[in-house]
N, C-alpha and C. Protein backbone atom coordinates (compact mmCIF):
# COMPACT_ATOMS: atom_id res chain seq x y z
N MET A 1 10.18 -22.57 -5.97
CA MET A 1 9.37 -21.39 -6.27
C MET A 1 9.93 -20.15 -5.57
N LYS A 2 10.36 -20.34 -4.30
CA LYS A 2 10.92 -19.20 -3.57
C LYS A 2 12.21 -18.72 -4.22
N ASN A 3 13.05 -19.69 -4.69
CA ASN A 3 14.29 -19.30 -5.36
C ASN A 3 14.01 -18.55 -6.65
N LEU A 4 12.99 -18.99 -7.39
CA LEU A 4 12.62 -18.32 -8.63
C LEU A 4 12.19 -16.89 -8.34
N ARG A 5 11.37 -16.71 -7.31
CA ARG A 5 10.92 -15.37 -6.96
C ARG A 5 12.09 -14.50 -6.53
N PHE A 6 13.01 -15.09 -5.77
CA PHE A 6 14.17 -14.33 -5.30
C PHE A 6 14.99 -13.83 -6.47
N TRP A 7 15.33 -14.73 -7.42
CA TRP A 7 16.18 -14.33 -8.54
C TRP A 7 15.44 -13.41 -9.50
N THR A 8 14.12 -13.59 -9.61
CA THR A 8 13.34 -12.64 -10.42
C THR A 8 13.42 -11.25 -9.83
N ALA A 9 13.29 -11.16 -8.50
CA ALA A 9 13.38 -9.85 -7.84
C ALA A 9 14.77 -9.25 -8.00
N VAL A 10 15.81 -10.10 -7.87
CA VAL A 10 17.19 -9.60 -8.04
C VAL A 10 17.40 -9.04 -9.43
N LEU A 11 16.94 -9.77 -10.44
CA LEU A 11 17.11 -9.31 -11.82
C LEU A 11 16.33 -8.04 -12.09
N LEU A 12 15.14 -7.94 -11.54
CA LEU A 12 14.34 -6.73 -11.72
C LEU A 12 15.01 -5.52 -11.07
N LEU A 13 15.51 -5.71 -9.87
CA LEU A 13 16.17 -4.60 -9.18
C LEU A 13 17.45 -4.19 -9.90
N ALA A 14 18.20 -5.16 -10.39
CA ALA A 14 19.43 -4.83 -11.12
C ALA A 14 19.11 -4.09 -12.41
N GLY A 15 18.09 -4.57 -13.11
CA GLY A 15 17.68 -3.89 -14.34
C GLY A 15 17.19 -2.48 -14.07
N ALA A 16 16.42 -2.33 -12.99
CA ALA A 16 15.91 -1.01 -12.64
C ALA A 16 17.05 -0.07 -12.29
N ALA A 17 18.03 -0.56 -11.51
CA ALA A 17 19.16 0.28 -11.12
C ALA A 17 19.94 0.74 -12.34
N LEU A 18 20.18 -0.17 -13.30
CA LEU A 18 20.93 0.18 -14.50
C LEU A 18 20.16 1.19 -15.34
N LEU A 19 18.87 0.95 -15.50
CA LEU A 19 18.06 1.87 -16.30
C LEU A 19 18.00 3.25 -15.68
N LEU A 20 17.72 3.31 -14.38
CA LEU A 20 17.56 4.60 -13.73
C LEU A 20 18.88 5.36 -13.67
N HIS A 21 19.99 4.63 -13.66
CA HIS A 21 21.30 5.29 -13.66
C HIS A 21 21.53 6.02 -14.98
N THR A 22 20.98 5.49 -16.07
CA THR A 22 21.19 6.09 -17.38
C THR A 22 20.15 7.15 -17.72
N ARG A 23 19.11 7.25 -16.93
CA ARG A 23 18.07 8.24 -17.20
C ARG A 23 18.32 9.51 -16.39
N SER A 24 17.43 10.48 -16.59
CA SER A 24 17.51 11.72 -15.83
C SER A 24 17.43 11.42 -14.34
N SER A 25 18.14 12.19 -13.53
CA SER A 25 18.17 11.96 -12.09
C SER A 25 16.95 12.53 -11.38
N THR A 26 16.06 13.18 -12.11
CA THR A 26 14.89 13.80 -11.51
C THR A 26 13.63 13.28 -12.18
N ASP A 27 12.68 12.82 -11.38
CA ASP A 27 11.40 12.37 -11.93
C ASP A 27 10.54 13.56 -12.32
N ARG A 28 9.70 13.33 -13.32
CA ARG A 28 8.74 14.35 -13.74
C ARG A 28 7.38 13.99 -13.13
N ASN A 29 7.10 14.52 -11.96
CA ASN A 29 5.87 14.16 -11.24
C ASN A 29 4.84 15.27 -11.33
N PRO A 30 3.58 14.91 -11.63
CA PRO A 30 2.51 15.90 -11.56
C PRO A 30 2.31 16.38 -10.12
N PHE A 31 1.63 17.52 -9.98
CA PHE A 31 1.35 18.05 -8.65
C PHE A 31 0.44 17.07 -7.89
N SER A 32 0.68 16.93 -6.59
CA SER A 32 -0.21 16.16 -5.72
C SER A 32 -0.28 16.85 -4.37
N GLU A 33 -1.40 16.67 -3.69
CA GLU A 33 -1.58 17.25 -2.37
C GLU A 33 -0.94 16.36 -1.32
N PRO A 34 -0.50 16.94 -0.19
CA PRO A 34 0.09 16.11 0.88
C PRO A 34 -0.94 15.17 1.48
N LEU A 35 -0.49 14.00 1.90
CA LEU A 35 -1.40 13.00 2.46
C LEU A 35 -2.11 13.47 3.71
N ALA A 36 -1.52 14.44 4.40
CA ALA A 36 -2.16 14.95 5.62
C ALA A 36 -3.54 15.54 5.33
N LEU A 37 -3.80 15.91 4.05
CA LEU A 37 -5.08 16.51 3.68
C LEU A 37 -6.12 15.47 3.28
N LEU A 38 -5.76 14.18 3.33
CA LEU A 38 -6.77 13.15 3.09
C LEU A 38 -7.91 13.35 4.08
N PRO A 39 -9.17 13.31 3.62
CA PRO A 39 -10.29 13.59 4.51
C PRO A 39 -10.26 12.77 5.81
N GLY A 40 -10.50 13.47 6.90
CA GLY A 40 -10.55 12.81 8.20
C GLY A 40 -11.86 12.12 8.46
N ASN A 41 -12.84 12.33 7.58
CA ASN A 41 -14.13 11.65 7.69
C ASN A 41 -14.46 11.07 6.33
N ILE A 42 -14.58 9.75 6.26
CA ILE A 42 -14.90 9.06 5.02
C ILE A 42 -16.20 8.31 5.21
N ASP A 43 -17.29 8.91 4.72
CA ASP A 43 -18.61 8.29 4.82
C ASP A 43 -18.93 7.82 6.24
N GLY A 44 -18.68 8.69 7.22
CA GLY A 44 -19.01 8.39 8.61
C GLY A 44 -17.88 7.78 9.40
N TRP A 45 -16.82 7.33 8.73
CA TRP A 45 -15.64 6.82 9.42
C TRP A 45 -14.76 8.01 9.81
N ALA A 46 -14.58 8.22 11.10
CA ALA A 46 -13.81 9.36 11.61
C ALA A 46 -12.38 8.94 11.90
N GLY A 47 -11.42 9.69 11.35
CA GLY A 47 -10.02 9.31 11.46
C GLY A 47 -9.26 10.04 12.56
N THR A 48 -8.32 9.34 13.16
CA THR A 48 -7.42 9.90 14.16
C THR A 48 -5.99 9.60 13.73
N ASN A 49 -5.18 10.65 13.58
CA ASN A 49 -3.80 10.46 13.13
C ASN A 49 -2.98 9.73 14.17
N GLN A 50 -2.09 8.86 13.70
CA GLN A 50 -1.16 8.12 14.55
C GLN A 50 0.26 8.58 14.23
N GLU A 51 1.03 8.86 15.25
CA GLU A 51 2.40 9.32 15.03
C GLU A 51 3.26 8.17 14.51
N ILE A 52 4.10 8.46 13.52
CA ILE A 52 5.07 7.50 13.02
C ILE A 52 6.41 7.85 13.64
N ASP A 53 7.00 6.92 14.38
CA ASP A 53 8.23 7.24 15.10
C ASP A 53 9.40 7.44 14.13
N GLN A 54 10.41 8.12 14.61
CA GLN A 54 11.53 8.51 13.75
C GLN A 54 12.29 7.29 13.23
N GLU A 55 12.39 6.24 14.03
CA GLU A 55 13.09 5.03 13.57
C GLU A 55 12.40 4.45 12.34
N THR A 56 11.07 4.41 12.38
CA THR A 56 10.31 3.90 11.24
C THR A 56 10.48 4.81 10.03
N LEU A 57 10.42 6.12 10.25
CA LEU A 57 10.61 7.06 9.15
C LEU A 57 11.99 6.90 8.51
N ASP A 58 13.00 6.65 9.34
CA ASP A 58 14.35 6.45 8.82
C ASP A 58 14.42 5.22 7.92
N VAL A 59 13.68 4.17 8.31
CA VAL A 59 13.66 2.95 7.49
C VAL A 59 12.90 3.18 6.19
N LEU A 60 11.80 3.92 6.27
CA LEU A 60 10.98 4.16 5.09
C LEU A 60 11.71 5.00 4.05
N GLY A 61 12.48 5.97 4.51
CA GLY A 61 13.20 6.84 3.59
C GLY A 61 12.39 8.07 3.21
N ALA A 62 12.80 8.73 2.14
CA ALA A 62 12.18 9.99 1.73
C ALA A 62 10.81 9.73 1.11
N GLY A 63 9.81 10.42 1.60
CA GLY A 63 8.47 10.27 1.05
C GLY A 63 7.45 11.00 1.92
N ASP A 64 6.19 10.80 1.60
CA ASP A 64 5.08 11.38 2.34
C ASP A 64 4.29 10.23 2.94
N PHE A 65 4.05 10.26 4.25
CA PHE A 65 3.47 9.10 4.93
C PHE A 65 2.27 9.51 5.79
N LEU A 66 1.30 8.62 5.85
CA LEU A 66 0.11 8.84 6.67
C LEU A 66 -0.23 7.57 7.41
N SER A 67 -0.41 7.67 8.72
CA SER A 67 -0.90 6.57 9.54
C SER A 67 -2.11 7.09 10.30
N ARG A 68 -3.25 6.43 10.13
CA ARG A 68 -4.50 6.95 10.71
C ARG A 68 -5.40 5.78 11.06
N VAL A 69 -6.14 5.91 12.15
CA VAL A 69 -7.14 4.92 12.54
C VAL A 69 -8.52 5.53 12.35
N TYR A 70 -9.37 4.83 11.61
CA TYR A 70 -10.73 5.30 11.35
C TYR A 70 -11.71 4.46 12.18
N SER A 71 -12.65 5.15 12.82
CA SER A 71 -13.66 4.49 13.65
C SER A 71 -15.05 4.89 13.16
N LEU A 72 -15.97 3.92 13.18
CA LEU A 72 -17.35 4.18 12.76
C LEU A 72 -18.26 4.36 13.96
N ASN A 73 -18.26 3.41 14.89
CA ASN A 73 -19.05 3.49 16.11
C ASN A 73 -18.47 2.50 17.12
N ALA A 74 -19.05 2.49 18.29
CA ALA A 74 -18.51 1.65 19.37
C ALA A 74 -18.70 0.16 19.10
N GLN A 75 -19.64 -0.20 18.23
CA GLN A 75 -19.92 -1.61 17.95
C GLN A 75 -19.08 -2.17 16.79
N THR A 76 -18.41 -1.29 16.06
CA THR A 76 -17.68 -1.71 14.86
C THR A 76 -16.19 -1.60 15.09
N ALA A 77 -15.45 -2.64 14.77
CA ALA A 77 -13.99 -2.62 14.93
C ALA A 77 -13.39 -1.55 14.03
N PRO A 78 -12.31 -0.92 14.46
CA PRO A 78 -11.70 0.17 13.69
C PRO A 78 -10.96 -0.32 12.45
N ILE A 79 -10.63 0.63 11.60
CA ILE A 79 -9.83 0.40 10.40
C ILE A 79 -8.52 1.16 10.55
N GLY A 80 -7.40 0.49 10.37
CA GLY A 80 -6.11 1.16 10.35
C GLY A 80 -5.70 1.42 8.91
N LEU A 81 -5.27 2.63 8.63
CA LEU A 81 -4.86 3.01 7.27
C LEU A 81 -3.42 3.51 7.30
N PHE A 82 -2.59 2.93 6.42
CA PHE A 82 -1.23 3.45 6.21
C PHE A 82 -1.05 3.70 4.73
N ILE A 83 -0.53 4.88 4.39
CA ILE A 83 -0.19 5.19 3.00
C ILE A 83 1.23 5.76 3.01
N GLY A 84 2.05 5.23 2.15
CA GLY A 84 3.39 5.76 1.94
C GLY A 84 3.55 6.11 0.48
N TYR A 85 3.75 7.40 0.18
CA TYR A 85 3.95 7.85 -1.20
C TYR A 85 5.41 8.22 -1.40
N PHE A 86 6.04 7.61 -2.39
CA PHE A 86 7.45 7.83 -2.67
C PHE A 86 7.57 8.58 -3.99
N PRO A 87 8.00 9.85 -3.98
CA PRO A 87 8.10 10.63 -5.22
C PRO A 87 9.10 10.05 -6.22
N THR A 88 10.07 9.29 -5.73
CA THR A 88 11.04 8.66 -6.60
C THR A 88 11.52 7.36 -6.00
N GLN A 89 11.88 6.41 -6.87
CA GLN A 89 12.49 5.16 -6.41
C GLN A 89 13.86 4.98 -7.06
N ARG A 90 14.49 6.11 -7.34
CA ARG A 90 15.84 6.08 -7.89
C ARG A 90 16.86 5.92 -6.75
N THR A 91 18.12 5.78 -7.14
CA THR A 91 19.25 5.68 -6.20
C THR A 91 19.04 4.59 -5.15
N GLY A 92 18.39 3.50 -5.57
CA GLY A 92 18.27 2.36 -4.67
C GLY A 92 17.09 2.40 -3.71
N GLN A 93 16.36 3.51 -3.65
CA GLN A 93 15.21 3.58 -2.73
C GLN A 93 14.02 2.88 -3.36
N SER A 94 13.32 2.06 -2.59
CA SER A 94 12.15 1.38 -3.11
C SER A 94 11.15 1.17 -1.98
N ILE A 95 9.92 0.85 -2.37
CA ILE A 95 8.86 0.65 -1.40
C ILE A 95 9.08 -0.67 -0.65
N HIS A 96 8.94 -0.64 0.66
CA HIS A 96 9.10 -1.84 1.48
C HIS A 96 7.80 -2.63 1.48
N SER A 97 7.89 -3.88 1.06
CA SER A 97 6.70 -4.73 1.01
C SER A 97 6.27 -5.13 2.42
N PRO A 98 4.96 -5.07 2.72
CA PRO A 98 4.48 -5.57 4.02
C PRO A 98 4.82 -7.04 4.24
N LYS A 99 5.04 -7.81 3.17
CA LYS A 99 5.41 -9.21 3.33
C LYS A 99 6.77 -9.35 3.99
N HIS A 100 7.56 -8.29 3.93
CA HIS A 100 8.85 -8.31 4.60
C HIS A 100 8.78 -7.62 5.97
N CYS A 101 8.02 -6.51 6.03
CA CYS A 101 7.99 -5.72 7.26
C CYS A 101 7.17 -6.38 8.36
N LEU A 102 5.99 -6.92 8.01
CA LEU A 102 5.11 -7.48 9.04
C LEU A 102 5.71 -8.68 9.76
N PRO A 103 6.35 -9.63 9.04
CA PRO A 103 6.99 -10.73 9.78
C PRO A 103 8.07 -10.24 10.72
N GLY A 104 8.76 -9.17 10.36
CA GLY A 104 9.78 -8.62 11.25
C GLY A 104 9.20 -8.09 12.54
N ALA A 105 7.90 -7.74 12.51
CA ALA A 105 7.22 -7.27 13.71
C ALA A 105 6.49 -8.40 14.44
N GLY A 106 6.71 -9.64 14.00
CA GLY A 106 6.13 -10.78 14.68
C GLY A 106 4.86 -11.33 14.06
N TRP A 107 4.39 -10.75 12.95
CA TRP A 107 3.16 -11.21 12.31
C TRP A 107 3.46 -12.32 11.32
N VAL A 108 2.55 -13.30 11.24
CA VAL A 108 2.67 -14.43 10.33
C VAL A 108 1.51 -14.37 9.33
N PHE A 109 1.81 -14.61 8.06
CA PHE A 109 0.76 -14.64 7.04
C PHE A 109 0.08 -16.00 7.05
N GLU A 110 -1.22 -16.02 7.39
CA GLU A 110 -1.99 -17.26 7.39
C GLU A 110 -2.55 -17.59 6.01
N SER A 111 -2.96 -16.57 5.28
CA SER A 111 -3.55 -16.79 3.97
C SER A 111 -3.33 -15.55 3.11
N SER A 112 -3.39 -15.75 1.79
CA SER A 112 -3.23 -14.63 0.88
C SER A 112 -4.04 -14.89 -0.38
N ASP A 113 -4.47 -13.80 -0.99
CA ASP A 113 -5.27 -13.91 -2.21
C ASP A 113 -5.19 -12.59 -2.96
N TYR A 114 -5.34 -12.63 -4.28
CA TYR A 114 -5.44 -11.43 -5.10
C TYR A 114 -6.88 -11.32 -5.59
N VAL A 115 -7.47 -10.15 -5.40
CA VAL A 115 -8.85 -9.94 -5.81
C VAL A 115 -8.97 -8.60 -6.52
N THR A 116 -10.10 -8.41 -7.18
CA THR A 116 -10.42 -7.14 -7.81
C THR A 116 -11.64 -6.55 -7.11
N LEU A 117 -11.49 -5.36 -6.56
CA LEU A 117 -12.59 -4.66 -5.91
C LEU A 117 -13.03 -3.49 -6.79
N THR A 118 -14.31 -3.25 -6.83
CA THR A 118 -14.86 -2.14 -7.60
C THR A 118 -15.26 -1.03 -6.65
N ASP A 119 -14.69 0.17 -6.83
CA ASP A 119 -14.96 1.26 -5.90
C ASP A 119 -16.33 1.87 -6.13
N VAL A 120 -16.69 2.83 -5.31
CA VAL A 120 -18.04 3.40 -5.36
C VAL A 120 -18.30 4.16 -6.65
N ASN A 121 -17.25 4.48 -7.41
CA ASN A 121 -17.42 5.13 -8.71
C ASN A 121 -17.37 4.14 -9.87
N GLY A 122 -17.27 2.85 -9.56
CA GLY A 122 -17.28 1.82 -10.60
C GLY A 122 -15.93 1.47 -11.17
N LYS A 123 -14.82 1.97 -10.60
CA LYS A 123 -13.49 1.66 -11.12
C LYS A 123 -12.94 0.42 -10.42
N PRO A 124 -12.39 -0.54 -11.18
CA PRO A 124 -11.81 -1.73 -10.55
C PRO A 124 -10.42 -1.46 -9.98
N HIS A 125 -10.09 -2.14 -8.88
CA HIS A 125 -8.79 -2.02 -8.24
C HIS A 125 -8.28 -3.42 -7.91
N HIS A 126 -7.05 -3.70 -8.31
CA HIS A 126 -6.44 -5.00 -8.07
C HIS A 126 -5.65 -4.93 -6.76
N VAL A 127 -6.05 -5.74 -5.78
CA VAL A 127 -5.47 -5.66 -4.45
C VAL A 127 -5.15 -7.05 -3.93
N GLY A 128 -4.29 -7.08 -2.92
CA GLY A 128 -4.03 -8.32 -2.20
C GLY A 128 -4.80 -8.34 -0.90
N GLU A 129 -5.35 -9.50 -0.54
CA GLU A 129 -6.06 -9.68 0.73
C GLU A 129 -5.35 -10.76 1.54
N TYR A 130 -5.15 -10.48 2.83
CA TYR A 130 -4.35 -11.36 3.66
C TYR A 130 -4.97 -11.48 5.06
N ILE A 131 -4.78 -12.63 5.67
CA ILE A 131 -5.04 -12.79 7.10
C ILE A 131 -3.69 -12.99 7.76
N ILE A 132 -3.40 -12.19 8.79
CA ILE A 132 -2.14 -12.30 9.50
C ILE A 132 -2.43 -12.54 10.98
N SER A 133 -1.46 -13.15 11.67
CA SER A 133 -1.65 -13.42 13.09
C SER A 133 -0.35 -13.21 13.84
N ASN A 134 -0.50 -12.87 15.11
CA ASN A 134 0.63 -12.70 16.02
C ASN A 134 0.16 -13.19 17.38
N GLY A 135 0.46 -14.45 17.69
CA GLY A 135 -0.12 -15.03 18.90
C GLY A 135 -1.63 -15.18 18.71
N ALA A 136 -2.39 -14.68 19.67
CA ALA A 136 -3.84 -14.78 19.60
C ALA A 136 -4.46 -13.69 18.74
N ALA A 137 -3.70 -12.65 18.42
CA ALA A 137 -4.21 -11.53 17.64
C ALA A 137 -4.22 -11.87 16.16
N ARG A 138 -5.32 -11.52 15.49
CA ARG A 138 -5.43 -11.75 14.05
C ARG A 138 -5.96 -10.48 13.38
N GLN A 139 -5.55 -10.27 12.15
CA GLN A 139 -5.97 -9.08 11.42
C GLN A 139 -6.26 -9.45 9.97
N PHE A 140 -7.19 -8.71 9.39
CA PHE A 140 -7.46 -8.84 7.96
C PHE A 140 -6.84 -7.63 7.28
N VAL A 141 -6.06 -7.89 6.24
CA VAL A 141 -5.26 -6.84 5.59
C VAL A 141 -5.57 -6.78 4.10
N ILE A 142 -5.74 -5.57 3.61
CA ILE A 142 -5.78 -5.31 2.17
C ILE A 142 -4.63 -4.37 1.87
N TYR A 143 -3.81 -4.70 0.88
CA TYR A 143 -2.82 -3.71 0.45
C TYR A 143 -2.55 -3.83 -1.04
N TRP A 144 -2.13 -2.70 -1.59
CA TRP A 144 -1.79 -2.67 -3.00
C TRP A 144 -0.81 -1.53 -3.25
N TYR A 145 -0.18 -1.60 -4.42
CA TYR A 145 0.71 -0.54 -4.88
C TYR A 145 -0.07 0.31 -5.89
N GLN A 146 0.04 1.62 -5.77
CA GLN A 146 -0.68 2.51 -6.67
C GLN A 146 0.30 3.45 -7.36
N ALA A 147 0.19 3.51 -8.68
CA ALA A 147 1.09 4.38 -9.44
C ALA A 147 0.46 4.70 -10.79
N HIS A 148 0.40 5.99 -11.10
CA HIS A 148 0.04 6.47 -12.43
C HIS A 148 -1.32 5.95 -12.90
N GLY A 149 -2.27 5.93 -11.97
CA GLY A 149 -3.64 5.57 -12.30
C GLY A 149 -3.95 4.09 -12.24
N ARG A 150 -2.98 3.27 -11.86
CA ARG A 150 -3.25 1.83 -11.79
C ARG A 150 -2.99 1.31 -10.36
N SER A 151 -3.71 0.27 -10.01
CA SER A 151 -3.50 -0.43 -8.75
C SER A 151 -2.91 -1.79 -9.05
N ILE A 152 -1.94 -2.21 -8.23
CA ILE A 152 -1.17 -3.43 -8.50
C ILE A 152 -1.11 -4.23 -7.20
N ALA A 153 -1.47 -5.50 -7.27
CA ALA A 153 -1.55 -6.32 -6.06
C ALA A 153 -0.22 -6.97 -5.71
N ASN A 154 0.67 -7.13 -6.69
CA ASN A 154 1.88 -7.93 -6.52
C ASN A 154 3.12 -7.05 -6.62
N GLU A 155 4.06 -7.21 -5.68
CA GLU A 155 5.25 -6.35 -5.66
C GLU A 155 6.16 -6.56 -6.86
N TYR A 156 6.23 -7.78 -7.40
CA TYR A 156 7.06 -8.02 -8.56
C TYR A 156 6.49 -7.35 -9.81
N THR A 157 5.17 -7.42 -9.93
CA THR A 157 4.51 -6.72 -11.04
C THR A 157 4.71 -5.22 -10.91
N ALA A 158 4.66 -4.72 -9.68
CA ALA A 158 4.88 -3.28 -9.46
C ALA A 158 6.28 -2.87 -9.93
N LYS A 159 7.29 -3.73 -9.71
CA LYS A 159 8.65 -3.43 -10.16
C LYS A 159 8.71 -3.35 -11.69
N ILE A 160 8.02 -4.27 -12.36
CA ILE A 160 8.02 -4.27 -13.82
C ILE A 160 7.39 -2.98 -14.35
N TYR A 161 6.25 -2.59 -13.76
CA TYR A 161 5.61 -1.34 -14.18
C TYR A 161 6.52 -0.15 -13.90
N MET A 162 7.25 -0.17 -12.78
CA MET A 162 8.13 0.94 -12.47
C MET A 162 9.19 1.11 -13.54
N ILE A 163 9.78 0.01 -13.99
CA ILE A 163 10.80 0.08 -15.03
C ILE A 163 10.19 0.60 -16.33
N ALA A 164 9.00 0.09 -16.69
CA ALA A 164 8.35 0.54 -17.93
C ALA A 164 8.01 2.02 -17.86
N ASP A 165 7.50 2.48 -16.72
CA ASP A 165 7.12 3.89 -16.61
C ASP A 165 8.33 4.81 -16.53
N ALA A 166 9.44 4.30 -16.00
CA ALA A 166 10.67 5.10 -16.02
C ALA A 166 11.11 5.35 -17.45
N MET A 167 10.93 4.35 -18.31
CA MET A 167 11.30 4.49 -19.71
C MET A 167 10.32 5.38 -20.46
N ARG A 168 9.02 5.17 -20.24
CA ARG A 168 8.00 5.89 -21.01
C ARG A 168 7.77 7.30 -20.50
N LEU A 169 7.72 7.45 -19.17
CA LEU A 169 7.24 8.68 -18.56
C LEU A 169 8.30 9.44 -17.76
N ASN A 170 9.45 8.81 -17.57
CA ASN A 170 10.47 9.35 -16.66
C ASN A 170 9.89 9.58 -15.27
N ARG A 171 9.11 8.60 -14.82
CA ARG A 171 8.49 8.65 -13.50
C ARG A 171 8.70 7.30 -12.79
N THR A 172 9.11 7.36 -11.54
CA THR A 172 9.22 6.15 -10.72
C THR A 172 8.42 6.29 -9.44
N ASP A 173 7.61 7.35 -9.33
CA ASP A 173 6.84 7.55 -8.11
C ASP A 173 5.75 6.49 -7.97
N ALA A 174 5.45 6.14 -6.74
CA ALA A 174 4.42 5.13 -6.46
C ALA A 174 4.09 5.18 -4.98
N ALA A 175 3.02 4.49 -4.62
CA ALA A 175 2.59 4.47 -3.22
C ALA A 175 2.20 3.06 -2.80
N LEU A 176 2.32 2.81 -1.52
CA LEU A 176 1.77 1.61 -0.91
C LEU A 176 0.58 2.04 -0.08
N VAL A 177 -0.55 1.37 -0.26
CA VAL A 177 -1.76 1.64 0.52
C VAL A 177 -2.11 0.37 1.28
N ARG A 178 -2.27 0.49 2.61
CA ARG A 178 -2.58 -0.68 3.43
C ARG A 178 -3.78 -0.38 4.33
N VAL A 179 -4.78 -1.25 4.27
CA VAL A 179 -5.98 -1.17 5.11
C VAL A 179 -5.98 -2.41 5.99
N ILE A 180 -6.19 -2.24 7.29
CA ILE A 180 -6.08 -3.36 8.22
C ILE A 180 -7.15 -3.24 9.30
N THR A 181 -7.73 -4.37 9.67
CA THR A 181 -8.76 -4.36 10.72
C THR A 181 -8.69 -5.66 11.52
N PRO A 182 -8.98 -5.62 12.81
CA PRO A 182 -8.85 -6.83 13.64
C PRO A 182 -9.93 -7.86 13.36
N ILE A 183 -9.57 -9.12 13.57
CA ILE A 183 -10.51 -10.25 13.49
C ILE A 183 -10.72 -10.74 14.92
N ALA A 184 -11.95 -10.63 15.40
CA ALA A 184 -12.23 -10.96 16.80
C ALA A 184 -12.23 -12.47 17.04
N SER A 185 -12.68 -13.24 16.04
CA SER A 185 -12.78 -14.69 16.20
C SER A 185 -12.86 -15.32 14.82
N ASP A 186 -12.83 -16.67 14.76
CA ASP A 186 -12.96 -17.34 13.46
C ASP A 186 -14.26 -16.99 12.78
N ASP A 187 -15.31 -16.78 13.56
CA ASP A 187 -16.61 -16.46 12.99
C ASP A 187 -16.65 -15.04 12.42
N GLU A 188 -15.64 -14.22 12.76
CA GLU A 188 -15.67 -12.82 12.35
C GLU A 188 -14.83 -12.53 11.11
N VAL A 189 -14.24 -13.56 10.49
CA VAL A 189 -13.39 -13.35 9.33
C VAL A 189 -14.16 -12.68 8.19
N SER A 190 -15.33 -13.19 7.88
CA SER A 190 -16.11 -12.62 6.77
C SER A 190 -16.54 -11.19 7.07
N ALA A 191 -16.85 -10.91 8.34
CA ALA A 191 -17.23 -9.55 8.71
C ALA A 191 -16.04 -8.60 8.59
N ALA A 192 -14.85 -9.07 8.99
CA ALA A 192 -13.65 -8.25 8.86
C ALA A 192 -13.33 -7.98 7.40
N ARG A 193 -13.47 -9.00 6.57
CA ARG A 193 -13.24 -8.83 5.13
C ARG A 193 -14.21 -7.79 4.56
N LYS A 194 -15.48 -7.93 4.88
CA LYS A 194 -16.48 -6.99 4.37
C LYS A 194 -16.19 -5.58 4.84
N ARG A 195 -15.82 -5.42 6.10
CA ARG A 195 -15.51 -4.09 6.67
C ARG A 195 -14.33 -3.45 5.93
N ALA A 196 -13.27 -4.22 5.73
CA ALA A 196 -12.08 -3.69 5.06
C ALA A 196 -12.37 -3.38 3.60
N GLU A 197 -13.11 -4.24 2.93
CA GLU A 197 -13.41 -4.02 1.51
C GLU A 197 -14.30 -2.79 1.32
N GLU A 198 -15.32 -2.65 2.16
CA GLU A 198 -16.22 -1.51 2.00
C GLU A 198 -15.50 -0.19 2.27
N PHE A 199 -14.60 -0.18 3.26
CA PHE A 199 -13.83 1.03 3.52
C PHE A 199 -12.91 1.32 2.33
N THR A 200 -12.26 0.30 1.81
CA THR A 200 -11.35 0.46 0.67
C THR A 200 -12.09 1.03 -0.54
N MET A 201 -13.29 0.55 -0.79
CA MET A 201 -14.06 1.01 -1.95
C MET A 201 -14.48 2.47 -1.82
N ARG A 202 -14.57 2.97 -0.58
CA ARG A 202 -14.86 4.38 -0.36
C ARG A 202 -13.59 5.23 -0.39
N LEU A 203 -12.49 4.64 0.05
CA LEU A 203 -11.22 5.35 0.09
C LEU A 203 -10.62 5.56 -1.30
N ALA A 204 -10.66 4.53 -2.13
CA ALA A 204 -9.91 4.52 -3.39
C ALA A 204 -10.17 5.74 -4.29
N PRO A 205 -11.42 6.21 -4.47
CA PRO A 205 -11.62 7.36 -5.36
C PRO A 205 -10.99 8.66 -4.85
N LEU A 206 -10.64 8.71 -3.57
CA LEU A 206 -10.04 9.93 -3.01
C LEU A 206 -8.54 10.03 -3.29
N LEU A 207 -7.92 8.91 -3.64
CA LEU A 207 -6.46 8.84 -3.63
C LEU A 207 -5.75 9.61 -4.75
N PRO A 208 -6.31 9.76 -5.95
CA PRO A 208 -5.57 10.46 -7.01
C PRO A 208 -5.18 11.90 -6.66
N ARG A 209 -5.86 12.51 -5.71
CA ARG A 209 -5.44 13.86 -5.27
C ARG A 209 -4.06 13.82 -4.62
N PHE A 210 -3.72 12.67 -4.03
CA PHE A 210 -2.51 12.56 -3.22
C PHE A 210 -1.46 11.63 -3.85
N ILE A 211 -1.93 10.74 -4.74
CA ILE A 211 -1.05 9.82 -5.46
C ILE A 211 -1.34 10.07 -6.94
N PRO A 212 -0.56 10.90 -7.60
CA PRO A 212 -0.95 11.39 -8.94
C PRO A 212 -1.01 10.29 -9.99
N ASP A 213 -2.02 10.40 -10.86
CA ASP A 213 -2.19 9.48 -11.99
C ASP A 213 -1.09 9.73 -13.03
């Protein structure tokens, strides 16, 4: 199964590179606001910006990035939010999957699932939900790829959509959205899931201002 996924990814990337080489070198992107303008208060969750070091920015490549921690009160564990918006994925640049980045930082994926969450405006969003651990530390993670009005839970599916949209729309822009919160104990898994999901359902309707449909 791992070999199949590997060769599927290789073929997708090769096809994307060939297609994008033959298309216009400039994407046609609608206007979007910078991520720094994402509200610092989301339904009582107050955000504090986190600096992204230059080494990480160099790895991420050209794009607009936001790292922020949202807190509700002293009794509730915080929510970490990372958004990376890439105006183009041409010339070999692509979004780095957390499945590759997090293990490099020492995190191990304990479980994974794909679910559909309905935001506060009634729109469904397809996301991945994960439990990760690093020693005694555990976190509940939600992440998805967002592009052109759709949410995508799987990185391979995101590649397929990117190729299709490059052909139809001459657009390869997309974003990765990651919501993460600590798990205090085995008994707190359901609470961490609920906390992350409820925050995500409030966040999602705000994103089209910054990640254009």
